[in-house]
Amino acid sequence: MTAKRVLVVDDASLMRAYYRQALERAGYVVDEALNGLEALEKILVQPFDLAIVDVNMPQMDGITFIKTLRGKDLPTSAVAVLVTSTEAKDRDILGARMAGANYYLTKPISQETLIEHVVLLCGAA
């Protein structure tokens, strides 16, 4: 059985490293993207089981990424999406859900909480 593949989409290198460490330790294969545009390019080239997406990023923000991903009539539109953001207002969470996010976590996020939600959304590694 192949390990589950997770794409971490965040413009902050520290966040990407934090997520990568937790995910790889849990057995997931991890790739990274700096923004939604780069994430779309990667998802079109290789399959992922989950995308962990920040909201505020340059070039293409997380919400636009999700809307674009969900709007395409491709197998990639079924990729599970976990949004992580410092934005914690109801309208932010609702906006992400309406765009097609599967779940929304507010930063800071413990590595344990991250892994729990990753397992729920795409299964164990």
C-alpha atoms as a PDB file:
ATOM      1  CA  MET A   1       0.000   0.000   0.000  1.00  0.00           C
ATOM      2  CA  THR A   2       1.319   3.439  -0.889  1.00  0.00           C
ATOM      3  CA  ALA A   3       1.601   6.177   1.693  1.00  0.00           C
ATOM      4  CA  LYS A   4      -0.956   8.968   1.562  1.00  0.00           C
ATOM      5  CA  ARG A   5       0.245  12.135  -0.184  1.00  0.00           C
ATOM      6  CA  VAL A   6      -0.318  15.556   1.396  1.00  0.00           C
ATOM      7  CA  LEU A   7       0.298  18.930  -0.249  1.00  0.00           C
ATOM      8  CA  VAL A   8       1.055  21.747   2.208  1.00  0.00           C
ATOM      9  CA  VAL A   9       0.166  25.145   0.721  1.00  0.00           C
ATOM     10  CA  ASP A  10       1.452  28.083   2.772  1.00  0.00           C
ATOM     11  CA  ASP A  11       3.655  31.068   1.973  1.00  0.00           C
ATOM     12  CA  ALA A  12       5.348  30.858   5.396  1.00  0.00           C
ATOM     13  CA  SER A  13       8.352  28.521   5.316  1.00  0.00           C
ATOM     14  CA  LEU A  14       8.154  27.931   9.085  1.00  0.00           C
ATOM     15  CA  MET A  15       4.568  26.694   8.797  1.00  0.00           C
ATOM     16  CA  ARG A  16       5.442  24.398   5.908  1.00  0.00           C
ATOM     17  CA  ALA A  17       8.368  22.966   7.893  1.00  0.00           C
ATOM     18  CA  TYR A  18       6.174  22.523  11.006  1.00  0.00           C
ATOM     19  CA  TYR A  19       3.491  20.651   9.047  1.00  0.00           C
ATOM     20  CA  ARG A  20       6.067  18.618   7.107  1.00  0.00           C
ATOM     21  CA  GLN A  21       7.753  17.435  10.311  1.00  0.00           C
ATOM     22  CA  ALA A  22       4.480  16.279  11.873  1.00  0.00           C
ATOM     23  CA  LEU A  23       3.173  14.656   8.691  1.00  0.00           C
ATOM     24  CA  GLU A  24       6.361  12.821   7.769  1.00  0.00           C
ATOM     25  CA  ARG A  25       6.748  11.548  11.319  1.00  0.00           C
ATOM     26  CA  ALA A  26       3.202  10.153  10.989  1.00  0.00           C
ATOM     27  CA  GLY A  27       4.156   8.400   7.732  1.00  0.00           C
ATOM     28  CA  TYR A  28       2.714  10.736   5.089  1.00  0.00           C
ATOM     29  CA  VAL A  29       4.518  11.758   1.895  1.00  0.00           C
ATOM     30  CA  VAL A  30       4.642  15.569   1.824  1.00  0.00           C
ATOM     31  CA  ASP A  31       5.099  18.121  -0.923  1.00  0.00           C
ATOM     32  CA  GLU A  32       4.920  21.900  -0.586  1.00  0.00           C
ATOM     33  CA  ALA A  33       3.601  24.891  -2.522  1.00  0.00           C
ATOM     34  CA  LEU A  34       4.082  28.584  -1.754  1.00  0.00           C
ATOM     35  CA  ASN A  35       0.644  29.664  -2.980  1.00  0.00           C
ATOM     36  CA  GLY A  36      -2.528  28.426  -4.625  1.00  0.00           C
ATOM     37  CA  LEU A  37      -1.219  28.819  -8.156  1.00  0.00           C
ATOM     38  CA  GLU A  38       1.796  26.599  -7.481  1.00  0.00           C
ATOM     39  CA  ALA A  39      -0.480  24.134  -5.666  1.00  0.00           C
ATOM     40  CA  LEU A  40      -2.790  23.832  -8.682  1.00  0.00           C
ATOM     41  CA  GLU A  41       0.194  23.162 -10.938  1.00  0.00           C
ATOM     42  CA  LYS A  42       1.387  20.375  -8.623  1.00  0.00           C
ATOM     43  CA  ILE A  43      -2.051  18.797  -8.208  1.00  0.00           C
ATOM     44  CA  LEU A  44      -2.525  18.641 -11.979  1.00  0.00           C
ATOM     45  CA  VAL A  45       0.781  16.754 -12.343  1.00  0.00           C
ATOM     46  CA  GLN A  46       0.529  14.246  -9.499  1.00  0.00           C
ATOM     47  CA  PRO A  47      -2.293  12.992  -7.265  1.00  0.00           C
ATOM     48  CA  PHE A  48      -2.667  14.060  -3.633  1.00  0.00           C
ATOM     49  CA  ASP A  49      -4.996  12.708  -0.973  1.00  0.00           C
ATOM     50  CA  LEU A  50      -5.150  15.996   0.931  1.00  0.00           C
ATOM     51  CA  ALA A  51      -4.215  19.653   0.584  1.00  0.00           C
ATOM     52  CA  ILE A  52      -3.562  21.673   3.743  1.00  0.00           C
ATOM     53  CA  VAL A  53      -4.151  25.266   2.677  1.00  0.00           C
ATOM     54  CA  ASP A  54      -3.508  28.657   4.274  1.00  0.00           C
ATOM     55  CA  VAL A  55      -5.953  31.436   3.417  1.00  0.00           C
ATOM     56  CA  ASN A  56      -3.723  34.502   3.056  1.00  0.00           C
ATOM     57  CA  MET A  57      -1.079  33.978   0.360  1.00  0.00           C
ATOM     58  CA  PRO A  58       0.302  36.006  -2.554  1.00  0.00           C
ATOM     59  CA  GLN A  59      -0.530  35.297  -6.234  1.00  0.00           C
ATOM     60  CA  MET A  60      -3.485  33.042  -5.375  1.00  0.00           C
ATOM     61  CA  ASP A  61      -5.044  32.898  -1.918  1.00  0.00           C
ATOM     62  CA  GLY A  62      -6.422  29.745  -0.348  1.00  0.00           C
ATOM     63  CA  ILE A  63     -10.099  30.465  -1.013  1.00  0.00           C
ATOM     64  CA  THR A  64      -9.461  31.147  -4.715  1.00  0.00           C
ATOM     65  CA  PHE A  65      -7.380  27.969  -4.868  1.00  0.00           C
ATOM     66  CA  ILE A  66     -10.224  25.900  -3.394  1.00  0.00           C
ATOM     67  CA  LYS A  67     -12.840  27.448  -5.704  1.00  0.00           C
ATOM     68  CA  THR A  68     -10.606  26.782  -8.713  1.00  0.00           C
ATOM     69  CA  LEU A  69      -9.867  23.224  -7.586  1.00  0.00           C
ATOM     70  CA  ARG A  70     -13.528  22.441  -6.983  1.00  0.00           C
ATOM     71  CA  GLY A  71     -14.624  24.179 -10.179  1.00  0.00           C
ATOM     72  CA  LYS A  72     -12.644  21.952 -12.498  1.00  0.00           C
ATOM     73  CA  ASP A  73     -14.280  18.839 -13.884  1.00  0.00           C
ATOM     74  CA  LEU A  74     -11.220  16.736 -13.134  1.00  0.00           C
ATOM     75  CA  PRO A  75     -10.458  13.893 -10.721  1.00  0.00           C
ATOM     76  CA  THR A  76      -8.356  16.423  -8.761  1.00  0.00           C
ATOM     77  CA  SER A  77     -11.524  18.215  -7.669  1.00  0.00           C
ATOM     78  CA  ALA A  78     -12.122  15.371  -5.186  1.00  0.00           C
ATOM     79  CA  VAL A  79      -8.927  16.117  -3.209  1.00  0.00           C
ATOM     80  CA  ALA A  80      -9.780  16.710   0.457  1.00  0.00           C
ATOM     81  CA  VAL A  81      -8.943  20.237   1.657  1.00  0.00           C
ATOM     82  CA  LEU A  82      -8.062  21.259   5.209  1.00  0.00           C
ATOM     83  CA  VAL A  83      -7.873  25.035   5.646  1.00  0.00           C
ATOM     84  CA  THR A  84      -5.555  26.445   8.297  1.00  0.00           C
ATOM     85  CA  SER A  85      -5.642  30.149   9.069  1.00  0.00           C
ATOM     86  CA  THR A  86      -5.238  32.789  11.736  1.00  0.00           C
ATOM     87  CA  GLU A  87      -8.606  34.165  10.591  1.00  0.00           C
ATOM     88  CA  ALA A  88     -11.168  32.923  13.101  1.00  0.00           C
ATOM     89  CA  LYS A  89     -14.355  34.842  12.336  1.00  0.00           C
ATOM     90  CA  ASP A  90     -17.494  32.916  11.400  1.00  0.00           C
ATOM     91  CA  ARG A  91     -17.520  34.591   7.968  1.00  0.00           C
ATOM     92  CA  ASP A  92     -13.985  33.312   7.276  1.00  0.00           C
ATOM     93  CA  ILE A  93     -14.907  29.751   8.198  1.00  0.00           C
ATOM     94  CA  LEU A  94     -18.176  29.947   6.247  1.00  0.00           C
ATOM     95  CA  GLY A  95     -16.358  31.380   3.210  1.00  0.00           C
ATOM     96  CA  ALA A  96     -13.908  28.474   3.216  1.00  0.00           C
ATOM     97  CA  ARG A  97     -16.694  25.935   3.588  1.00  0.00           C
ATOM     98  CA  MET A  98     -18.716  27.539   0.795  1.00  0.00           C
ATOM     99  CA  ALA A  99     -15.624  27.455  -1.441  1.00  0.00           C
ATOM    100  CA  GLY A 100     -15.431  23.690  -0.877  1.00  0.00           C
ATOM    101  CA  ALA A 101     -13.115  23.172   2.099  1.00  0.00           C
ATOM    102  CA  ASN A 102     -13.720  19.975   4.037  1.00  0.00           C
ATOM    103  CA  TYR A 103     -12.572  21.396   7.375  1.00  0.00           C
ATOM    104  CA  TYR A 104     -11.180  24.606   8.889  1.00  0.00           C
ATOM    105  CA  LEU A 105      -8.649  24.864  11.724  1.00  0.00           C
ATOM    106  CA  THR A 106      -7.554  28.124  13.333  1.00  0.00           C
ATOM    107  CA  LYS A 107      -3.830  28.617  13.933  1.00  0.00           C
ATOM    108  CA  PRO A 108      -1.946  27.892  16.096  1.00  0.00           C
ATOM    109  CA  ILE A 109      -2.515  24.173  15.597  1.00  0.00           C
ATOM    110  CA  SER A 110      -0.766  21.482  17.620  1.00  0.00           C
ATOM    111  CA  GLN A 111       0.867  18.706  15.638  1.00  0.00           C
ATOM    112  CA  GLU A 112      -1.436  16.212  17.370  1.00  0.00           C
ATOM    113  CA  THR A 113      -4.557  18.119  16.282  1.00  0.00           C
ATOM    114  CA  LEU A 114      -3.171  18.419  12.758  1.00  0.00           C
ATOM    115  CA  ILE A 115      -2.584  14.672  12.470  1.00  0.00           C
ATOM    116  CA  GLU A 116      -6.007  13.852  13.955  1.00  0.00           C
ATOM    117  CA  HIS A 117      -7.704  15.920  11.243  1.00  0.00           C
ATOM    118  CA  VAL A 118      -5.468  14.592   8.478  1.00  0.00           C
ATOM    119  CA  VAL A 119      -6.396  11.028   9.451  1.00  0.00           C
ATOM    120  CA  LEU A 120     -10.089  11.960   9.498  1.00  0.00           C
ATOM    121  CA  LEU A 121      -9.919  13.558   6.041  1.00  0.00           C
ATOM    122  CA  CYS A 122      -7.721  11.127   4.134  1.00  0.00           C
ATOM    123  CA  GLY A 123      -7.017   8.158   6.361  1.00  0.00           C
ATOM    124  CA  ALA A 124      -3.916   6.889   8.102  1.00  0.00           C
ATOM    125  CA  ALA A 125      -0.607   7.109   6.247  1.00  0.00           C
END
